[in-house]
Amino acid sequence: MKLALIFGAGAVGKMTVGQELAKITELRLYHNRIAIEPALEAFGAFAAGAIVRIREAMFEEFAKTDLYGMIFTFMRDFGVGAIGTTWSASQRASAESARRSARSSSSRPRRSASSGAAPGTA
């Protein structure tokens, strides 16, 4: 089985690229939202364990077919471990703290290299 992985940030066009790739190959598109949407609907929240099991079941069943291969789109969620294991509460808290820190530092005004003042304030 062939596998094409399209990995990227949210809303950058992974599914669109996958759809176009599926048109010109014999690969079937399995985009990330296929596993997420039913879990969100059923649980009313992001249920990492259910989402991982849905993905694993899809891959296992697909591998049993004679289909040529699959395109899988994926956006890394830092609440789900790299190999599908759910993070502990402390790991999730650490990741969330890092995410908040990155957001707050990116929203601060940048200093001008020449004057040391924020752009537009000198």
Protein backbone atom coordinates (compact mmCIF):
# COMPACT_ATOMS: atom_id res chain seq x y z
CA MET A 1 0.00 0.00 0.00
CA LYS A 2 1.23 3.47 -0.88
CA LEU A 3 0.78 6.28 1.63
CA ALA A 4 1.09 10.00 0.91
CA LEU A 5 1.10 12.10 4.09
CA ILE A 6 0.17 15.77 3.85
CA PHE A 7 1.16 17.42 7.12
CA GLY A 8 0.66 21.07 7.95
CA ALA A 9 -0.87 23.76 10.10
CA GLY A 10 -4.61 24.33 10.27
CA ALA A 11 -6.43 25.89 7.31
CA VAL A 12 -3.46 25.88 4.92
CA GLY A 13 -5.10 23.75 2.22
CA LYS A 14 -4.07 20.19 3.08
CA MET A 15 -7.44 18.77 2.04
CA THR A 16 -7.49 20.81 -1.17
CA VAL A 17 -4.03 19.52 -2.12
CA GLY A 18 -5.16 16.00 -1.22
CA GLN A 19 -8.26 16.31 -3.40
CA GLU A 20 -6.17 17.44 -6.37
CA LEU A 21 -3.62 14.67 -5.79
CA ALA A 22 -6.42 12.09 -5.64
CA LYS A 23 -7.67 13.29 -9.05
CA ILE A 24 -4.35 12.52 -10.75
CA THR A 25 -3.42 9.32 -8.91
CA GLU A 26 -5.13 6.12 -7.84
CA LEU A 27 -4.76 7.17 -4.19
CA ARG A 28 -7.86 7.54 -2.00
CA LEU A 29 -8.15 10.64 0.20
CA TYR A 30 -8.59 10.19 3.95
CA HIS A 31 -8.51 13.67 5.43
CA ASN A 32 -8.04 14.28 9.12
CA ARG A 33 -11.55 15.64 9.73
CA ILE A 34 -13.10 12.26 8.81
CA ALA A 35 -11.99 10.91 12.21
CA ILE A 36 -12.50 14.11 14.18
CA GLU A 37 -16.05 15.10 13.19
CA PRO A 38 -17.89 11.96 14.41
CA ALA A 39 -16.03 12.08 17.74
CA LEU A 40 -16.87 15.78 18.20
CA GLU A 41 -20.51 15.05 17.41
CA ALA A 42 -20.73 12.05 19.75
CA PHE A 43 -18.77 13.47 22.70
CA GLY A 44 -19.42 17.18 22.29
CA ALA A 45 -15.67 17.76 22.67
CA PHE A 46 -12.32 16.68 21.27
CA ALA A 47 -12.04 13.03 22.35
CA ALA A 48 -8.42 12.13 21.54
CA GLY A 49 -8.72 8.45 22.39
CA ALA A 50 -11.75 7.94 20.17
CA ILE A 51 -10.18 9.88 17.32
CA VAL A 52 -6.98 7.83 17.48
CA ARG A 53 -8.97 4.56 17.49
CA ILE A 54 -11.07 5.70 14.50
CA ARG A 55 -7.88 6.53 12.57
CA GLU A 56 -6.23 3.24 13.49
CA ALA A 57 -9.32 1.25 12.46
CA MET A 58 -9.45 3.06 9.12
CA PHE A 59 -5.77 2.36 8.41
CA GLU A 60 -6.07 -1.29 9.46
CA GLU A 61 -9.15 -1.91 7.29
CA PHE A 62 -7.71 0.00 4.33
CA ALA A 63 -4.53 -2.08 4.50
CA LYS A 64 -6.64 -5.23 4.05
CA THR A 65 -7.96 -4.02 0.68
CA ASP A 66 -6.48 -4.23 -2.78
CA LEU A 67 -6.67 -0.46 -3.20
CA TYR A 68 -3.50 1.20 -4.50
CA GLY A 69 -2.96 3.58 -1.60
CA MET A 70 -4.09 6.47 0.54
CA ILE A 71 -3.51 10.18 0.98
CA PHE A 72 -3.75 11.15 4.64
CA THR A 73 -3.91 14.77 5.76
CA PHE A 74 -2.81 15.50 9.28
CA MET A 75 -2.49 18.45 11.62
CA ARG A 76 -0.55 17.65 14.78
CA ASP A 77 -2.60 18.18 17.95
CA PHE A 78 -0.31 18.63 20.90
CA GLY A 79 -2.89 16.94 23.14
CA VAL A 80 -2.30 13.62 21.37
CA GLY A 81 1.04 11.85 21.62
CA ALA A 82 3.20 11.29 18.56
CA ILE A 83 2.21 7.64 18.24
CA GLY A 84 -1.40 8.09 19.20
CA THR A 85 -1.16 7.90 22.97
CA THR A 86 -3.01 10.52 24.98
CA TRP A 87 -0.77 12.87 26.91
CA SER A 88 -0.90 13.00 30.70
CA ALA A 89 -2.49 16.01 32.38
CA SER A 90 0.96 17.45 33.17
CA GLN A 91 2.12 17.02 29.56
CA ARG A 92 -1.05 18.71 28.27
CA ALA A 93 -0.63 21.57 30.79
CA SER A 94 3.00 22.03 29.76
CA ALA A 95 2.08 22.12 26.07
CA GLU A 96 -0.74 24.59 26.73
CA SER A 97 1.58 26.81 28.76
CA ALA A 98 4.12 26.81 25.91
CA ARG A 99 1.35 27.61 23.41
CA ARG A 100 0.11 30.56 25.53
CA SER A 101 3.65 31.84 25.94
CA ALA A 102 4.26 31.69 22.19
CA ARG A 103 1.00 33.51 21.48
CA SER A 104 1.70 36.29 23.98
CA SER A 105 5.23 36.86 22.71
CA SER A 106 4.08 36.98 19.09
CA SER A 107 1.41 39.59 19.89
CA ARG A 108 3.84 42.04 21.51
CA PRO A 109 4.86 45.05 19.40
CA ARG A 110 8.28 44.58 17.86
CA ARG A 111 11.02 47.07 18.53
CA SER A 112 12.60 49.02 15.73
CA ALA A 113 16.24 48.02 15.26
CA SER A 114 17.35 51.65 14.91
CA SER A 115 15.43 53.48 17.65
CA GLY A 116 14.41 50.76 20.06
CA ALA A 117 10.82 52.01 19.88
CA ALA A 118 7.85 50.00 18.71
CA PRO A 119 7.10 50.59 14.99
CA GLY A 120 4.85 53.57 14.46
CA THR A 121 5.51 55.04 17.90
CA ALA A 122 8.84 56.82 17.32
